[in-house]
Amino acid sequence: MRIEELVDGGLALKVGLLVGDKVVAIGDTLVGDLAELRAAMQAAPVSSKVVVMRGTEKLELAVEFPPDLDGPIRRFGLRTGDIVDGEVR
């Protein structure tokens, strides 16, 4: 899933993700679509990592997810835009 946009002040920007990076894993969980990304973020421990491909380089970036206060989901502060089976993801 290629990152198309980052939210100012969002977690993705804070950990060093860039527009154009391709998110491939959260922690040790591979992600291939938005549903898998969300599920992996929810299951990841507070201290985790995000694995991305930046061009041909594989990077592992440390991430500290905020503790789940009263929110049902964690937010990463990014928008993806891969086209899979004719749909934007």
N, C-alpha and C. Protein backbone atom coordinates (compact mmCIF):
# COMPACT_ATOMS: atom_id res chain seq x y z
N MET A 1 0.84 -1.17 0.00
CA MET A 1 0.00 0.00 0.00
C MET A 1 0.89 1.23 0.00
N ARG A 2 0.81 1.97 -1.08
CA ARG A 2 1.63 3.16 -1.22
C ARG A 2 0.98 4.36 -0.54
N ILE A 3 1.77 5.12 0.21
CA ILE A 3 1.27 6.30 0.92
C ILE A 3 1.10 7.44 -0.08
N GLU A 4 -0.09 7.98 -0.14
CA GLU A 4 -0.41 9.09 -1.04
C GLU A 4 -0.41 10.43 -0.33
N GLU A 5 -0.72 10.43 0.95
CA GLU A 5 -0.84 11.68 1.69
C GLU A 5 -0.57 11.43 3.17
N LEU A 6 0.07 12.41 3.81
CA LEU A 6 0.32 12.35 5.25
C LEU A 6 -0.40 13.50 5.92
N VAL A 7 -0.95 13.24 7.08
CA VAL A 7 -1.69 14.25 7.85
C VAL A 7 -0.69 15.02 8.70
N ASP A 8 -0.74 16.36 8.62
CA ASP A 8 0.11 17.19 9.47
C ASP A 8 -0.08 16.82 10.93
N GLY A 9 1.02 16.58 11.62
CA GLY A 9 0.95 16.22 13.03
C GLY A 9 0.58 14.77 13.28
N GLY A 10 0.36 13.99 12.22
CA GLY A 10 -0.04 12.59 12.38
C GLY A 10 1.14 11.70 12.76
N LEU A 11 0.83 10.55 13.27
CA LEU A 11 1.83 9.60 13.73
C LEU A 11 2.76 9.16 12.60
N ALA A 12 2.22 8.93 11.41
CA ALA A 12 3.03 8.47 10.29
C ALA A 12 4.14 9.47 9.97
N LEU A 13 3.80 10.74 9.98
CA LEU A 13 4.78 11.80 9.72
C LEU A 13 5.82 11.86 10.83
N LYS A 14 5.37 11.71 12.06
CA LYS A 14 6.27 11.77 13.21
C LYS A 14 7.31 10.65 13.21
N VAL A 15 6.94 9.47 12.71
CA VAL A 15 7.91 8.35 12.71
C VAL A 15 8.80 8.35 11.49
N GLY A 16 8.54 9.26 10.54
CA GLY A 16 9.43 9.39 9.39
C GLY A 16 8.94 8.80 8.09
N LEU A 17 7.66 8.43 8.01
CA LEU A 17 7.14 7.94 6.75
C LEU A 17 7.05 9.09 5.75
N LEU A 18 7.17 8.76 4.47
CA LEU A 18 7.12 9.75 3.39
C LEU A 18 6.07 9.35 2.37
N VAL A 19 5.53 10.36 1.70
CA VAL A 19 4.64 10.08 0.57
C VAL A 19 5.45 9.25 -0.43
N GLY A 20 4.86 8.18 -0.93
CA GLY A 20 5.53 7.28 -1.86
C GLY A 20 6.04 6.01 -1.20
N ASP A 21 6.23 6.02 0.13
CA ASP A 21 6.62 4.79 0.82
C ASP A 21 5.53 3.75 0.65
N LYS A 22 5.93 2.49 0.60
CA LYS A 22 4.96 1.39 0.53
C LYS A 22 5.00 0.64 1.86
N VAL A 23 3.89 0.68 2.60
CA VAL A 23 3.80 -0.01 3.88
C VAL A 23 3.64 -1.50 3.61
N VAL A 24 4.55 -2.30 4.19
CA VAL A 24 4.48 -3.75 3.98
C VAL A 24 4.20 -4.53 5.25
N ALA A 25 4.46 -3.92 6.43
CA ALA A 25 4.20 -4.65 7.68
C ALA A 25 4.08 -3.67 8.84
N ILE A 26 3.29 -4.07 9.81
CA ILE A 26 3.24 -3.43 11.12
C ILE A 26 3.69 -4.50 12.10
N GLY A 27 4.78 -4.22 12.82
CA GLY A 27 5.37 -5.26 13.64
C GLY A 27 5.83 -6.38 12.72
N ASP A 28 5.44 -7.60 13.04
CA ASP A 28 5.79 -8.75 12.20
C ASP A 28 4.62 -9.18 11.32
N THR A 29 3.55 -8.38 11.28
CA THR A 29 2.36 -8.73 10.51
C THR A 29 2.39 -8.04 9.15
N LEU A 30 2.43 -8.85 8.09
CA LEU A 30 2.40 -8.31 6.74
C LEU A 30 1.05 -7.69 6.44
N VAL A 31 1.04 -6.59 5.71
CA VAL A 31 -0.20 -5.93 5.33
C VAL A 31 -0.22 -5.71 3.82
N GLY A 32 -1.37 -6.00 3.22
CA GLY A 32 -1.50 -5.84 1.78
C GLY A 32 -2.65 -4.94 1.39
N ASP A 33 -3.51 -4.63 2.33
CA ASP A 33 -4.63 -3.73 2.03
C ASP A 33 -5.00 -2.96 3.29
N LEU A 34 -5.93 -2.05 3.15
CA LEU A 34 -6.30 -1.17 4.25
C LEU A 34 -6.87 -1.94 5.44
N ALA A 35 -7.66 -2.95 5.19
CA ALA A 35 -8.23 -3.75 6.28
C ALA A 35 -7.13 -4.44 7.08
N GLU A 36 -6.13 -4.99 6.38
CA GLU A 36 -5.02 -5.65 7.06
C GLU A 36 -4.17 -4.64 7.84
N LEU A 37 -3.99 -3.44 7.28
CA LEU A 37 -3.25 -2.39 7.98
C LEU A 37 -3.94 -2.02 9.28
N ARG A 38 -5.24 -1.81 9.21
CA ARG A 38 -6.00 -1.44 10.41
C ARG A 38 -5.94 -2.54 11.46
N ALA A 39 -6.11 -3.79 11.03
CA ALA A 39 -6.08 -4.91 11.97
C ALA A 39 -4.70 -5.05 12.61
N ALA A 40 -3.65 -4.87 11.83
CA ALA A 40 -2.29 -4.99 12.35
C ALA A 40 -1.99 -3.88 13.35
N MET A 41 -2.47 -2.66 13.07
CA MET A 41 -2.26 -1.55 13.99
C MET A 41 -2.97 -1.79 15.31
N GLN A 42 -4.18 -2.35 15.25
CA GLN A 42 -4.94 -2.62 16.47
C GLN A 42 -4.28 -3.71 17.30
N ALA A 43 -3.68 -4.70 16.64
CA ALA A 43 -3.09 -5.84 17.34
C ALA A 43 -1.67 -5.56 17.82
N ALA A 44 -1.01 -4.56 17.27
CA ALA A 44 0.38 -4.28 17.60
C ALA A 44 0.51 -3.76 19.02
N PRO A 45 1.62 -4.10 19.67
CA PRO A 45 1.87 -3.51 20.99
C PRO A 45 2.12 -2.01 20.85
N VAL A 46 2.04 -1.29 21.95
CA VAL A 46 2.26 0.17 21.92
C VAL A 46 3.62 0.48 21.29
N SER A 47 4.67 -0.22 21.69
CA SER A 47 6.00 -0.06 21.08
C SER A 47 6.13 -1.10 19.99
N SER A 48 6.19 -0.63 18.74
CA SER A 48 6.23 -1.56 17.62
C SER A 48 7.12 -0.98 16.53
N LYS A 49 6.93 -1.46 15.30
CA LYS A 49 7.68 -0.94 14.16
C LYS A 49 6.77 -0.97 12.94
N VAL A 50 7.08 -0.11 11.99
CA VAL A 50 6.42 -0.13 10.70
C VAL A 50 7.52 -0.41 9.68
N VAL A 51 7.23 -1.35 8.78
CA VAL A 51 8.19 -1.73 7.75
C VAL A 51 7.68 -1.19 6.42
N VAL A 52 8.55 -0.43 5.74
CA VAL A 52 8.18 0.16 4.45
C VAL A 52 9.25 -0.10 3.42
N MET A 53 8.84 -0.05 2.17
CA MET A 53 9.77 -0.03 1.05
C MET A 53 9.84 1.42 0.58
N ARG A 54 11.04 1.95 0.54
CA ARG A 54 11.26 3.31 0.03
C ARG A 54 12.17 3.12 -1.17
N GLY A 55 11.53 3.13 -2.36
CA GLY A 55 12.27 2.76 -3.55
C GLY A 55 12.62 1.29 -3.46
N THR A 56 13.91 0.98 -3.52
CA THR A 56 14.35 -0.42 -3.42
C THR A 56 14.86 -0.76 -2.02
N GLU A 57 14.80 0.21 -1.10
CA GLU A 57 15.32 0.02 0.25
C GLU A 57 14.20 -0.35 1.22
N LYS A 58 14.44 -1.40 2.01
CA LYS A 58 13.49 -1.80 3.05
C LYS A 58 13.91 -1.12 4.35
N LEU A 59 12.96 -0.39 4.96
CA LEU A 59 13.23 0.33 6.21
C LEU A 59 12.32 -0.16 7.32
N GLU A 60 12.86 -0.24 8.53
CA GLU A 60 12.07 -0.54 9.73
C GLU A 60 12.14 0.69 10.62
N LEU A 61 10.99 1.30 10.87
CA LEU A 61 10.92 2.51 11.68
C LEU A 61 10.18 2.22 12.97
N ALA A 62 10.78 2.63 14.08
CA ALA A 62 10.14 2.43 15.39
C ALA A 62 8.91 3.32 15.48
N VAL A 63 7.86 2.79 16.07
CA VAL A 63 6.63 3.55 16.28
C VAL A 63 6.12 3.30 17.69
N GLU A 64 5.63 4.37 18.30
CA GLU A 64 4.98 4.29 19.61
C GLU A 64 3.52 4.66 19.40
N PHE A 65 2.66 3.66 19.37
CA PHE A 65 1.24 3.94 19.24
C PHE A 65 0.74 4.53 20.55
N PRO A 66 -0.14 5.53 20.48
CA PRO A 66 -0.68 6.05 21.73
C PRO A 66 -1.50 4.97 22.43
N PRO A 67 -1.49 4.99 23.75
CA PRO A 67 -2.31 3.99 24.45
C PRO A 67 -3.78 4.19 24.09
N ASP A 68 -4.49 3.09 24.01
CA ASP A 68 -5.91 3.15 23.68
C ASP A 68 -6.65 3.74 24.87
N LEU A 69 -7.07 4.97 24.72
CA LEU A 69 -7.83 5.60 25.79
C LEU A 69 -9.27 5.15 25.66
N ASP A 70 -10.11 5.93 25.01
CA ASP A 70 -11.49 5.50 24.81
C ASP A 70 -11.80 5.28 23.34
N GLY A 71 -10.79 5.42 22.48
CA GLY A 71 -11.03 5.28 21.04
C GLY A 71 -11.05 3.83 20.61
N PRO A 72 -11.94 3.48 19.68
CA PRO A 72 -12.04 2.10 19.22
C PRO A 72 -10.93 1.70 18.26
N ILE A 73 -10.29 2.69 17.58
CA ILE A 73 -9.24 2.35 16.62
C ILE A 73 -8.07 3.30 16.75
N ARG A 74 -6.91 2.81 16.37
CA ARG A 74 -5.71 3.64 16.30
C ARG A 74 -5.66 4.29 14.93
N ARG A 75 -5.16 5.50 14.88
CA ARG A 75 -5.03 6.21 13.61
C ARG A 75 -3.55 6.45 13.35
N PHE A 76 -3.18 6.34 12.06
CA PHE A 76 -1.79 6.48 11.68
C PHE A 76 -1.51 7.81 11.00
N GLY A 77 -2.56 8.47 10.48
CA GLY A 77 -2.37 9.76 9.85
C GLY A 77 -1.84 9.68 8.44
N LEU A 78 -2.38 8.73 7.66
CA LEU A 78 -1.97 8.61 6.27
C LEU A 78 -3.14 8.17 5.41
N ARG A 79 -2.98 8.42 4.10
CA ARG A 79 -3.96 7.95 3.12
C ARG A 79 -3.20 7.19 2.07
N THR A 80 -3.72 6.00 1.71
CA THR A 80 -3.09 5.19 0.67
C THR A 80 -3.87 5.35 -0.62
N GLY A 81 -3.25 4.95 -1.72
CA GLY A 81 -3.93 5.11 -2.99
C GLY A 81 -3.59 4.05 -4.00
N ASP A 82 -3.22 2.85 -3.58
CA ASP A 82 -2.94 1.79 -4.53
C ASP A 82 -4.22 1.37 -5.25
N ILE A 83 -4.07 1.00 -6.49
CA ILE A 83 -5.21 0.50 -7.25
C ILE A 83 -5.11 -1.01 -7.30
N VAL A 84 -6.12 -1.66 -6.75
CA VAL A 84 -6.16 -3.11 -6.71
C VAL A 84 -7.49 -3.54 -7.31
N ASP A 85 -7.44 -4.39 -8.34
CA ASP A 85 -8.65 -4.87 -9.01
C ASP A 85 -9.54 -3.71 -9.44
N GLY A 86 -8.92 -2.63 -9.92
CA GLY A 86 -9.68 -1.50 -10.44
C GLY A 86 -10.20 -0.53 -9.39
N GLU A 87 -9.89 -0.77 -8.10
CA GLU A 87 -10.36 0.11 -7.02
C GLU A 87 -9.18 0.78 -6.36
N VAL A 88 -9.36 2.05 -5.98
CA VAL A 88 -8.31 2.76 -5.26
C VAL A 88 -8.31 2.29 -3.82
N ARG A 89 -7.14 1.93 -3.32
CA ARG A 89 -6.99 1.43 -1.95
C ARG A 89 -6.10 2.37 -1.16
